[in-house]
Full PDB file with SEQRES, HELIX, SHEET, SSBOND, CRYST1, ORIGX, SCALE, CONECT and MASTER records, all heavy atoms in Angstrom:
SEQRES   1 A   38  THR PHE ARG GLN ARG THR ARG ASP GLU TRP VAL ALA VAL          
SEQRES   2 A   38  PHE ALA GLY SER ASP ALA CYS VAL SER PRO VAL LEU THR          
SEQRES   3 A   38  MET GLU GLU ALA ALA ARG HIS PRO HIS LEU ALA ALA              
HELIX    1 AA1 PHE A    2  GLN A    4  5                                   3    
HELIX    2 AA2 ARG A    7  PHE A   14  1                                   8    
HELIX    3 AA3 MET A   27  ARG A   32  1                                   6    
HELIX    4 AA4 PRO A   34  ALA A   37  1                                   4    
CRYST1    1.000    1.000    1.000  90.00  90.00  90.00 P 1           1          
ORIGX1      1.000000  0.000000  0.000000        0.00000                         
ORIGX2      0.000000  1.000000  0.000000        0.00000                         
ORIGX3      0.000000  0.000000  1.000000        0.00000                         
SCALE1      1.000000  0.000000  0.000000        0.00000                         
SCALE2      0.000000  1.000000  0.000000        0.00000                         
SCALE3      0.000000  0.000000  1.000000        0.00000                         
ATOM      1  N   THR A   1      -4.152   5.610 -19.050  1.00  0.00           N  
ATOM      2  CA  THR A   1      -4.412   4.641 -20.120  1.00  0.00           C  
ATOM      3  C   THR A   1      -3.809   3.282 -19.793  1.00  0.00           C  
ATOM      4  O   THR A   1      -4.462   2.240 -19.953  1.00  0.00           O  
ATOM      5  CB  THR A   1      -3.858   5.162 -21.452  1.00  0.00           C  
ATOM      6  OG1 THR A   1      -4.418   6.447 -21.738  1.00  0.00           O  
ATOM      7  CG2 THR A   1      -4.180   4.199 -22.583  1.00  0.00           C  
ATOM      8  N   PHE A   2      -2.594   3.256 -19.318  1.00  0.00           N  
ATOM      9  CA  PHE A   2      -1.941   1.968 -19.032  1.00  0.00           C  
ATOM     10  C   PHE A   2      -2.636   1.217 -17.898  1.00  0.00           C  
ATOM     11  O   PHE A   2      -2.589  -0.009 -17.848  1.00  0.00           O  
ATOM     12  CB  PHE A   2      -0.461   2.177 -18.689  1.00  0.00           C  
ATOM     13  CG  PHE A   2       0.431   2.210 -19.900  1.00  0.00           C  
ATOM     14  CD1 PHE A   2       1.117   3.365 -20.246  1.00  0.00           C  
ATOM     15  CD2 PHE A   2       0.585   1.091 -20.694  1.00  0.00           C  
ATOM     16  CE1 PHE A   2       1.936   3.405 -21.372  1.00  0.00           C  
ATOM     17  CE2 PHE A   2       1.402   1.103 -21.815  1.00  0.00           C  
ATOM     18  CZ  PHE A   2       2.081   2.276 -22.156  1.00  0.00           C  
ATOM     19  N   ARG A   3      -3.297   1.917 -17.015  1.00  0.00           N  
ATOM     20  CA  ARG A   3      -3.979   1.261 -15.905  1.00  0.00           C  
ATOM     21  C   ARG A   3      -5.267   0.563 -16.335  1.00  0.00           C  
ATOM     22  O   ARG A   3      -5.918  -0.100 -15.527  1.00  0.00           O  
ATOM     23  CB  ARG A   3      -4.295   2.286 -14.816  1.00  0.00           C  
ATOM     24  CG  ARG A   3      -3.072   2.666 -13.989  1.00  0.00           C  
ATOM     25  CD  ARG A   3      -3.389   3.733 -12.982  1.00  0.00           C  
ATOM     26  NE  ARG A   3      -2.235   4.029 -12.134  1.00  0.00           N  
ATOM     27  CZ  ARG A   3      -2.119   5.097 -11.360  1.00  0.00           C  
ATOM     28  NH1 ARG A   3      -3.111   5.989 -11.324  1.00  0.00           N  
ATOM     29  NH2 ARG A   3      -1.048   5.289 -10.629  1.00  0.00           N  
ATOM     30  N   GLN A   4      -5.606   0.668 -17.590  1.00  0.00           N  
ATOM     31  CA  GLN A   4      -6.846   0.066 -18.067  1.00  0.00           C  
ATOM     32  C   GLN A   4      -6.680  -1.383 -18.511  1.00  0.00           C  
ATOM     33  O   GLN A   4      -7.670  -2.096 -18.714  1.00  0.00           O  
ATOM     34  CB  GLN A   4      -7.413   0.894 -19.225  1.00  0.00           C  
ATOM     35  CG  GLN A   4      -7.831   2.300 -18.811  1.00  0.00           C  
ATOM     36  CD  GLN A   4      -8.227   3.164 -19.995  1.00  0.00           C  
ATOM     37  OE1 GLN A   4      -8.355   2.670 -21.122  1.00  0.00           O  
ATOM     38  NE2 GLN A   4      -8.425   4.462 -19.751  1.00  0.00           N  
ATOM     39  N   ARG A   5      -5.442  -1.849 -18.686  1.00  0.00           N  
ATOM     40  CA  ARG A   5      -5.203  -3.230 -19.101  1.00  0.00           C  
ATOM     41  C   ARG A   5      -4.032  -3.805 -18.301  1.00  0.00           C  
ATOM     42  O   ARG A   5      -3.231  -3.066 -17.722  1.00  0.00           O  
ATOM     43  CB  ARG A   5      -4.885  -3.316 -20.599  1.00  0.00           C  
ATOM     44  CG  ARG A   5      -5.982  -2.790 -21.504  1.00  0.00           C  
ATOM     45  CD  ARG A   5      -5.661  -3.079 -22.948  1.00  0.00           C  
ATOM     46  NE  ARG A   5      -6.614  -2.451 -23.855  1.00  0.00           N  
ATOM     47  CZ  ARG A   5      -6.654  -2.654 -25.175  1.00  0.00           C  
ATOM     48  NH1 ARG A   5      -5.758  -3.455 -25.735  1.00  0.00           N  
ATOM     49  NH2 ARG A   5      -7.557  -2.052 -25.921  1.00  0.00           N  
ATOM     50  N   THR A   6      -3.920  -5.142 -18.326  1.00  0.00           N  
ATOM     51  CA  THR A   6      -2.803  -5.796 -17.647  1.00  0.00           C  
ATOM     52  C   THR A   6      -1.530  -5.653 -18.473  1.00  0.00           C  
ATOM     53  O   THR A   6      -1.565  -5.293 -19.654  1.00  0.00           O  
ATOM     54  CB  THR A   6      -3.085  -7.289 -17.430  1.00  0.00           C  
ATOM     55  OG1 THR A   6      -3.125  -7.939 -18.712  1.00  0.00           O  
ATOM     56  CG2 THR A   6      -4.402  -7.502 -16.707  1.00  0.00           C  
ATOM     57  N   ARG A   7      -0.427  -5.959 -17.828  1.00  0.00           N  
ATOM     58  CA  ARG A   7       0.853  -5.886 -18.539  1.00  0.00           C  
ATOM     59  C   ARG A   7       0.857  -6.757 -19.789  1.00  0.00           C  
ATOM     60  O   ARG A   7       1.244  -6.308 -20.881  1.00  0.00           O  
ATOM     61  CB  ARG A   7       1.987  -6.344 -17.607  1.00  0.00           C  
ATOM     62  CG  ARG A   7       3.373  -6.267 -18.235  1.00  0.00           C  
ATOM     63  CD  ARG A   7       4.405  -7.028 -17.425  1.00  0.00           C  
ATOM     64  NE  ARG A   7       4.177  -8.470 -17.501  1.00  0.00           N  
ATOM     65  CZ  ARG A   7       4.912  -9.368 -16.850  1.00  0.00           C  
ATOM     66  NH1 ARG A   7       5.882  -8.977 -16.047  1.00  0.00           N  
ATOM     67  NH2 ARG A   7       4.655 -10.660 -16.973  1.00  0.00           N  
ATOM     68  N   ASP A   8       0.443  -8.000 -19.657  1.00  0.00           N  
ATOM     69  CA  ASP A   8       0.501  -8.906 -20.797  1.00  0.00           C  
ATOM     70  C   ASP A   8      -0.486  -8.517 -21.888  1.00  0.00           C  
ATOM     71  O   ASP A   8      -0.247  -8.778 -23.081  1.00  0.00           O  
ATOM     72  CB  ASP A   8       0.259 -10.346 -20.344  1.00  0.00           C  
ATOM     73  CG  ASP A   8       1.411 -10.867 -19.487  1.00  0.00           C  
ATOM     74  OD1 ASP A   8       2.487 -10.235 -19.485  1.00  0.00           O  
ATOM     75  OD2 ASP A   8       1.231 -11.898 -18.809  1.00  0.00           O  
ATOM     76  N   GLU A   9      -1.597  -7.895 -21.513  1.00  0.00           N  
ATOM     77  CA  GLU A   9      -2.522  -7.393 -22.531  1.00  0.00           C  
ATOM     78  C   GLU A   9      -1.868  -6.269 -23.322  1.00  0.00           C  
ATOM     79  O   GLU A   9      -2.013  -6.201 -24.558  1.00  0.00           O  
ATOM     80  CB  GLU A   9      -3.812  -6.901 -21.868  1.00  0.00           C  
ATOM     81  CG  GLU A   9      -4.699  -8.042 -21.366  1.00  0.00           C  
ATOM     82  CD  GLU A   9      -5.893  -7.541 -20.577  1.00  0.00           C  
ATOM     83  OE1 GLU A   9      -5.850  -6.406 -20.041  1.00  0.00           O  
ATOM     84  OE2 GLU A   9      -6.885  -8.298 -20.471  1.00  0.00           O  
ATOM     85  N   TRP A  10      -1.110  -5.407 -22.649  1.00  0.00           N  
ATOM     86  CA  TRP A  10      -0.407  -4.349 -23.374  1.00  0.00           C  
ATOM     87  C   TRP A  10       0.717  -4.923 -24.245  1.00  0.00           C  
ATOM     88  O   TRP A  10       0.960  -4.430 -25.354  1.00  0.00           O  
ATOM     89  CB  TRP A  10       0.165  -3.320 -22.402  1.00  0.00           C  
ATOM     90  CG  TRP A  10      -0.867  -2.378 -21.863  1.00  0.00           C  
ATOM     91  CD1 TRP A  10      -1.245  -2.217 -20.572  1.00  0.00           C  
ATOM     92  CD2 TRP A  10      -1.655  -1.457 -22.631  1.00  0.00           C  
ATOM     93  NE1 TRP A  10      -2.222  -1.267 -20.467  1.00  0.00           N  
ATOM     94  CE2 TRP A  10      -2.499  -0.779 -21.727  1.00  0.00           C  
ATOM     95  CE3 TRP A  10      -1.744  -1.149 -23.994  1.00  0.00           C  
ATOM     96  CZ2 TRP A  10      -3.405   0.200 -22.134  1.00  0.00           C  
ATOM     97  CZ3 TRP A  10      -2.654  -0.179 -24.404  1.00  0.00           C  
ATOM     98  CH2 TRP A  10      -3.467   0.478 -23.488  1.00  0.00           C  
ATOM     99  N   VAL A  11       1.361  -5.955 -23.759  1.00  0.00           N  
ATOM    100  CA  VAL A  11       2.383  -6.610 -24.581  1.00  0.00           C  
ATOM    101  C   VAL A  11       1.766  -7.124 -25.870  1.00  0.00           C  
ATOM    102  O   VAL A  11       2.347  -6.993 -26.963  1.00  0.00           O  
ATOM    103  CB  VAL A  11       3.049  -7.762 -23.793  1.00  0.00           C  
ATOM    104  CG1 VAL A  11       3.907  -8.621 -24.721  1.00  0.00           C  
ATOM    105  CG2 VAL A  11       3.895  -7.211 -22.651  1.00  0.00           C  
ATOM    106  N   ALA A  12       0.582  -7.702 -25.776  1.00  0.00           N  
ATOM    107  CA  ALA A  12      -0.098  -8.204 -26.970  1.00  0.00           C  
ATOM    108  C   ALA A  12      -0.477  -7.056 -27.907  1.00  0.00           C  
ATOM    109  O   ALA A  12      -0.374  -7.173 -29.140  1.00  0.00           O  
ATOM    110  CB  ALA A  12      -1.344  -8.990 -26.568  1.00  0.00           C  
ATOM    111  N   VAL A  13      -0.895  -5.930 -27.353  1.00  0.00           N  
ATOM    112  CA  VAL A  13      -1.254  -4.769 -28.174  1.00  0.00           C  
ATOM    113  C   VAL A  13      -0.068  -4.297 -28.997  1.00  0.00           C  
ATOM    114  O   VAL A  13      -0.191  -3.979 -30.191  1.00  0.00           O  
ATOM    115  CB  VAL A  13      -1.783  -3.627 -27.283  1.00  0.00           C  
ATOM    116  CG1 VAL A  13      -1.861  -2.317 -28.081  1.00  0.00           C  
ATOM    117  CG2 VAL A  13      -3.155  -3.986 -26.708  1.00  0.00           C  
ATOM    118  N   PHE A  14       1.110  -4.248 -28.378  1.00  0.00           N  
ATOM    119  CA  PHE A  14       2.278  -3.682 -29.050  1.00  0.00           C  
ATOM    120  C   PHE A  14       3.151  -4.728 -29.744  1.00  0.00           C  
ATOM    121  O   PHE A  14       4.210  -4.385 -30.291  1.00  0.00           O  
ATOM    122  CB  PHE A  14       3.125  -2.908 -28.036  1.00  0.00           C  
ATOM    123  CG  PHE A  14       2.490  -1.614 -27.609  1.00  0.00           C  
ATOM    124  CD1 PHE A  14       1.869  -1.494 -26.368  1.00  0.00           C  
ATOM    125  CD2 PHE A  14       2.500  -0.507 -28.453  1.00  0.00           C  
ATOM    126  CE1 PHE A  14       1.270  -0.298 -25.977  1.00  0.00           C  
ATOM    127  CE2 PHE A  14       1.915   0.694 -28.069  1.00  0.00           C  
ATOM    128  CZ  PHE A  14       1.294   0.802 -26.831  1.00  0.00           C  
ATOM    129  N   ALA A  15       2.721  -5.977 -29.739  1.00  0.00           N  
ATOM    130  CA  ALA A  15       3.495  -7.022 -30.401  1.00  0.00           C  
ATOM    131  C   ALA A  15       3.642  -6.704 -31.889  1.00  0.00           C  
ATOM    132  O   ALA A  15       2.668  -6.356 -32.562  1.00  0.00           O  
ATOM    133  CB  ALA A  15       2.810  -8.371 -30.215  1.00  0.00           C  
ATOM    134  N   GLY A  16       4.842  -6.794 -32.401  1.00  0.00           N  
ATOM    135  CA  GLY A  16       5.083  -6.557 -33.821  1.00  0.00           C  
ATOM    136  C   GLY A  16       5.234  -5.116 -34.206  1.00  0.00           C  
ATOM    137  O   GLY A  16       5.417  -4.806 -35.386  1.00  0.00           O  
ATOM    138  N   SER A  17       5.135  -4.192 -33.250  1.00  0.00           N  
ATOM    139  CA  SER A  17       5.261  -2.770 -33.581  1.00  0.00           C  
ATOM    140  C   SER A  17       6.632  -2.248 -33.159  1.00  0.00           C  
ATOM    141  O   SER A  17       7.372  -2.895 -32.419  1.00  0.00           O  
ATOM    142  CB  SER A  17       4.168  -1.962 -32.873  1.00  0.00           C  
ATOM    143  OG  SER A  17       4.529  -1.682 -31.536  1.00  0.00           O  
ATOM    144  N   ASP A  18       6.957  -1.063 -33.636  1.00  0.00           N  
ATOM    145  CA  ASP A  18       8.195  -0.380 -33.245  1.00  0.00           C  
ATOM    146  C   ASP A  18       7.906   0.737 -32.240  1.00  0.00           C  
ATOM    147  O   ASP A  18       8.585   1.758 -32.215  1.00  0.00           O  
ATOM    148  CB  ASP A  18       8.891   0.214 -34.475  1.00  0.00           C  
ATOM    149  CG  ASP A  18       9.675  -0.830 -35.246  1.00  0.00           C  
ATOM    150  OD1 ASP A  18      10.027  -1.864 -34.654  1.00  0.00           O  
ATOM    151  OD2 ASP A  18       9.927  -0.616 -36.442  1.00  0.00           O  
ATOM    152  N   ALA A  19       6.913   0.522 -31.394  1.00  0.00           N  
ATOM    153  CA  ALA A  19       6.555   1.533 -30.407  1.00  0.00           C  
ATOM    154  C   ALA A  19       7.528   1.569 -29.231  1.00  0.00           C  
ATOM    155  O   ALA A  19       7.456   2.464 -28.397  1.00  0.00           O  
ATOM    156  CB  ALA A  19       5.145   1.273 -29.880  1.00  0.00           C  
ATOM    157  N   CYS A  20       8.444   0.585 -29.173  1.00  0.00           N  
ATOM    158  CA  CYS A  20       9.442   0.506 -28.098  1.00  0.00           C  
ATOM    159  C   CYS A  20       8.775   0.378 -26.727  1.00  0.00           C  
ATOM    160  O   CYS A  20       9.110   1.089 -25.775  1.00  0.00           O  
ATOM    161  CB  CYS A  20      10.369   1.718 -28.125  1.00  0.00           C  
ATOM    162  SG  CYS A  20      11.271   1.910 -29.670  1.00  0.00           S  
ATOM    163  N   VAL A  21       7.822  -0.545 -26.654  1.00  0.00           N  
ATOM    164  CA  VAL A  21       7.158  -0.875 -25.401  1.00  0.00           C  
ATOM    165  C   VAL A  21       7.483  -2.331 -25.074  1.00  0.00           C  
ATOM    166  O   VAL A  21       7.332  -3.212 -25.934  1.00  0.00           O  
ATOM    167  CB  VAL A  21       5.630  -0.691 -25.502  1.00  0.00           C  
ATOM    168  CG1 VAL A  21       4.953  -1.138 -24.214  1.00  0.00           C  
ATOM    169  CG2 VAL A  21       5.291   0.764 -25.810  1.00  0.00           C  
ATOM    170  N   SER A  22       7.938  -2.573 -23.855  1.00  0.00           N  
ATOM    171  CA  SER A  22       8.309  -3.924 -23.455  1.00  0.00           C  
ATOM    172  C   SER A  22       7.871  -4.177 -22.020  1.00  0.00           C  
ATOM    173  O   SER A  22       7.724  -3.251 -21.228  1.00  0.00           O  
ATOM    174  CB  SER A  22       9.829  -4.120 -23.578  1.00  0.00           C  
ATOM    175  OG  SER A  22      10.509  -3.163 -22.781  1.00  0.00           O  
ATOM    176  N   PRO A  23       7.656  -5.449 -21.665  1.00  0.00           N  
ATOM    177  CA  PRO A  23       7.259  -5.759 -20.290  1.00  0.00           C  
ATOM    178  C   PRO A  23       8.449  -5.632 -19.341  1.00  0.00           C  
ATOM    179  O   PRO A  23       9.595  -5.890 -19.718  1.00  0.00           O  
ATOM    180  CB  PRO A  23       6.796  -7.217 -20.393  1.00  0.00           C  
ATOM    181  CG  PRO A  23       7.595  -7.779 -21.532  1.00  0.00           C  
ATOM    182  CD  PRO A  23       7.737  -6.650 -22.522  1.00  0.00           C  
ATOM    183  N   VAL A  24       8.181  -5.223 -18.124  1.00  0.00           N  
ATOM    184  CA  VAL A  24       9.204  -5.220 -17.082  1.00  0.00           C  
ATOM    185  C   VAL A  24       9.118  -6.583 -16.401  1.00  0.00           C  
ATOM    186  O   VAL A  24       8.199  -6.853 -15.629  1.00  0.00           O  
ATOM    187  CB  VAL A  24       8.974  -4.083 -16.069  1.00  0.00           C  
ATOM    188  CG1 VAL A  24      10.001  -4.152 -14.943  1.00  0.00           C  
ATOM    189  CG2 VAL A  24       9.048  -2.736 -16.773  1.00  0.00           C  
ATOM    190  N   LEU A  25      10.082  -7.448 -16.704  1.00  0.00           N  
ATOM    191  CA  LEU A  25      10.019  -8.844 -16.283  1.00  0.00           C  
ATOM    192  C   LEU A  25      10.830  -9.094 -15.018  1.00  0.00           C  
ATOM    193  O   LEU A  25      11.799  -8.379 -14.729  1.00  0.00           O  
ATOM    194  CB  LEU A  25      10.569  -9.744 -17.398  1.00  0.00           C  
ATOM    195  CG  LEU A  25       9.879  -9.662 -18.759  1.00  0.00           C  
ATOM    196  CD1 LEU A  25      10.589 -10.561 -19.758  1.00  0.00           C  
ATOM    197  CD2 LEU A  25       8.402 -10.038 -18.646  1.00  0.00           C  
ATOM    198  N   THR A  26      10.441 -10.120 -14.292  1.00  0.00           N  
ATOM    199  CA  THR A  26      11.302 -10.631 -13.242  1.00  0.00           C  
ATOM    200  C   THR A  26      12.448 -11.391 -13.899  1.00  0.00           C  
ATOM    201  O   THR A  26      12.408 -11.705 -15.097  1.00  0.00           O  
ATOM    202  CB  THR A  26      10.547 -11.587 -12.308  1.00  0.00           C  
ATOM    203  OG1 THR A  26      10.199 -12.775 -13.043  1.00  0.00           O  
ATOM    204  CG2 THR A  26       9.285 -10.931 -11.756  1.00  0.00           C  
ATOM    205  N   MET A  27      13.476 -11.714 -13.138  1.00  0.00           N  
ATOM    206  CA  MET A  27      14.593 -12.461 -13.718  1.00  0.00           C  
ATOM    207  C   MET A  27      14.174 -13.853 -14.157  1.00  0.00           C  
ATOM    208  O   MET A  27      14.648 -14.360 -15.181  1.00  0.00           O  
ATOM    209  CB  MET A  27      15.744 -12.524 -12.712  1.00  0.00           C  
ATOM    210  CG  MET A  27      16.341 -11.164 -12.394  1.00  0.00           C  
ATOM    211  SD  MET A  27      17.709 -11.263 -11.225  1.00  0.00           S  
ATOM    212  CE  MET A  27      17.842  -9.513 -10.756  1.00  0.00           C  
ATOM    213  N   GLU A  28      13.270 -14.474 -13.418  1.00  0.00           N  
ATOM    214  CA  GLU A  28      12.772 -15.785 -13.826  1.00  0.00           C  
ATOM    215  C   GLU A  28      11.950 -15.682 -15.100  1.00  0.00           C  
ATOM    216  O   GLU A  28      12.048 -16.541 -15.987  1.00  0.00           O  
ATOM    217  CB  GLU A  28      11.946 -16.410 -12.700  1.00  0.00           C  
ATOM    218  CG  GLU A  28      12.773 -16.819 -11.487  1.00  0.00           C  
ATOM    219  CD  GLU A  28      11.941 -17.552 -10.461  1.00  0.00           C  
ATOM    220  OE1 GLU A  28      10.710 -17.705 -10.683  1.00  0.00           O  
ATOM    221  OE2 GLU A  28      12.509 -17.968  -9.434  1.00  0.00           O  
ATOM    222  N   GLU A  29      11.130 -14.636 -15.210  1.00  0.00           N  
ATOM    223  CA  GLU A  29      10.347 -14.445 -16.430  1.00  0.00           C  
ATOM    224  C   GLU A  29      11.267 -14.178 -17.609  1.00  0.00           C  
ATOM    225  O   GLU A  29      11.006 -14.637 -18.735  1.00  0.00           O  
ATOM    226  CB  GLU A  29       9.380 -13.269 -16.261  1.00  0.00           C  
ATOM    227  CG  GLU A  29       8.196 -13.548 -15.357  1.00  0.00           C  
ATOM    228  CD  GLU A  29       7.329 -12.313 -15.169  1.00  0.00           C  
ATOM    229  OE1 GLU A  29       7.876 -11.196 -15.021  1.00  0.00           O  
ATOM    230  OE2 GLU A  29       6.088 -12.465 -15.173  1.00  0.00           O  
ATOM    231  N   ALA A  30      12.342 -13.435 -17.379  1.00  0.00           N  
ATOM    232  CA  ALA A  30      13.270 -13.116 -18.465  1.00  0.00           C  
ATOM    233  C   ALA A  30      13.849 -14.381 -19.085  1.00  0.00           C  
ATOM    234  O   ALA A  30      13.993 -14.479 -20.308  1.00  0.00           O  
ATOM    235  CB  ALA A  30      14.394 -12.220 -17.940  1.00  0.00           C  
ATOM    236  N   ALA A  31      14.167 -15.363 -18.263  1.00  0.00           N  
ATOM    237  CA  ALA A  31      14.750 -16.599 -18.779  1.00  0.00           C  
ATOM    238  C   ALA A  31      13.792 -17.352 -19.688  1.00  0.00           C  
ATOM    239  O   ALA A  31      14.220 -18.120 -20.552  1.00  0.00           O  
ATOM    240  CB  ALA A  31      15.180 -17.489 -17.613  1.00  0.00           C  
ATOM    241  N   ARG A  32      12.479 -17.110 -19.499  1.00  0.00           N  
ATOM    242  CA  ARG A  32      11.483 -17.815 -20.317  1.00  0.00           C  
ATOM    243  C   ARG A  32      10.959 -16.973 -21.468  1.00  0.00           C  
ATOM    244  O   ARG A  32      10.128 -17.452 -22.248  1.00  0.00           O  
ATOM    245  CB  ARG A  32      10.315 -18.247 -19.418  1.00  0.00           C  
ATOM    246  CG  ARG A  32      10.696 -19.223 -18.313  1.00  0.00           C  
ATOM    247  CD  ARG A  32       9.459 -19.801 -17.637  1.00  0.00           C  
ATOM    248  NE  ARG A  32       8.675 -18.771 -16.969  1.00  0.00           N  
ATOM    249  CZ  ARG A  32       8.843 -18.408 -15.704  1.00  0.00           C  
ATOM    250  NH1 ARG A  32       9.780 -18.987 -14.977  1.00  0.00           N  
ATOM    251  NH2 ARG A  32       8.075 -17.466 -15.156  1.00  0.00           N  
ATOM    252  N   HIS A  33      11.410 -15.733 -21.591  1.00  0.00           N  
ATOM    253  CA  HIS A  33      10.901 -14.890 -22.670  1.00  0.00           C  
ATOM    254  C   HIS A  33      11.307 -15.488 -24.020  1.00  0.00           C  
ATOM    255  O   HIS A  33      12.444 -15.944 -24.194  1.00  0.00           O  
ATOM    256  CB  HIS A  33      11.455 -13.473 -22.547  1.00  0.00           C  
ATOM    257  CG  HIS A  33      10.832 -12.519 -23.516  1.00  0.00           C  
ATOM    258  ND1 HIS A  33      11.298 -12.360 -24.803  1.00  0.00           N  
ATOM    259  CD2 HIS A  33       9.768 -11.686 -23.397  1.00  0.00           C  
ATOM    260  CE1 HIS A  33      10.559 -11.468 -25.433  1.00  0.00           C  
ATOM    261  NE2 HIS A  33       9.621 -11.050 -24.603  1.00  0.00           N  
ATOM    262  N   PRO A  34      10.409 -15.491 -25.002  1.00  0.00           N  
ATOM    263  CA  PRO A  34      10.700 -16.150 -26.289  1.00  0.00           C  
ATOM    264  C   PRO A  34      11.991 -15.670 -26.956  1.00  0.00           C  
ATOM    265  O   PRO A  34      12.715 -16.481 -27.548  1.00  0.00           O  
ATOM    266  CB  PRO A  34       9.467 -15.816 -27.137  1.00  0.00           C  
ATOM    267  CG  PRO A  34       8.372 -15.624 -26.140  1.00  0.00           C  
ATOM    268  CD  PRO A  34       9.018 -14.998 -24.943  1.00  0.00           C  
ATOM    269  N   HIS A  35      12.258 -14.368 -26.883  1.00  0.00           N  
ATOM    270  CA  HIS A  35      13.468 -13.875 -27.552  1.00  0.00           C  
ATOM    271  C   HIS A  35      14.728 -14.367 -26.848  1.00  0.00           C  
ATOM    272  O   HIS A  35      15.640 -14.904 -27.491  1.00  0.00           O  
ATOM    273  CB  HIS A  35      13.463 -12.350 -27.602  1.00  0.00           C  
ATOM    274  CG  HIS A  35      14.656 -11.789 -28.324  1.00  0.00           C  
ATOM    275  ND1 HIS A  35      14.740 -11.763 -29.692  1.00  0.00           N  
ATOM    276  CD2 HIS A  35      15.820 -11.258 -27.857  1.00  0.00           C  
ATOM    277  CE1 HIS A  35      15.897 -11.235 -30.044  1.00  0.00           C  
ATOM    278  NE2 HIS A  35      16.580 -10.921 -28.950  1.00  0.00           N  
ATOM    279  N   LEU A  36      14.785 -14.197 -25.529  1.00  0.00           N  
ATOM    280  CA  LEU A  36      15.976 -14.642 -24.806  1.00  0.00           C  
ATOM    281  C   LEU A  36      16.113 -16.155 -24.841  1.00  0.00           C  
ATOM    282  O   LEU A  36      17.227 -16.692 -24.891  1.00  0.00           O  
ATOM    283  CB  LEU A  36      15.927 -14.145 -23.360  1.00  0.00           C  
ATOM    284  CG  LEU A  36      15.861 -12.633 -23.150  1.00  0.00           C  
ATOM    285  CD1 LEU A  36      16.057 -12.299 -21.672  1.00  0.00           C  
ATOM    286  CD2 LEU A  36      16.899 -11.908 -23.991  1.00  0.00           C  
ATOM    287  N   ALA A  37      14.973 -16.849 -24.831  1.00  0.00           N  
ATOM    288  CA  ALA A  37      15.007 -18.308 -24.915  1.00  0.00           C  
ATOM    289  C   ALA A  37      15.536 -18.763 -26.270  1.00  0.00           C  
ATOM    290  O   ALA A  37      16.325 -19.716 -26.359  1.00  0.00           O  
ATOM    291  CB  ALA A  37      13.616 -18.885 -24.660  1.00  0.00           C  
ATOM    292  N   ALA A  38      15.117 -18.090 -27.338  1.00  0.00           N  
ATOM    293  CA  ALA A  38      15.584 -18.459 -28.675  1.00  0.00           C  
ATOM    294  C   ALA A  38      17.088 -18.248 -28.813  1.00  0.00           C  
ATOM    295  O   ALA A  38      17.779 -19.032 -29.478  1.00  0.00           O  
ATOM    296  CB  ALA A  38      14.834 -17.641 -29.729  1.00  0.00           C  
TER     297      ALA A  38                                                      
MASTER        0    0    0    4    0    0    0    6  296    1    0    3          
END                                                                             
């Protein structure tokens, strides 16, 4: 199932839910993530 969409598409699917699904980010991506940036 996960191979059917991109990582960011799955992030959008689970946005706002308590499914405990998160992207595996690079360290550079982590610095720009909205939560860590905020």
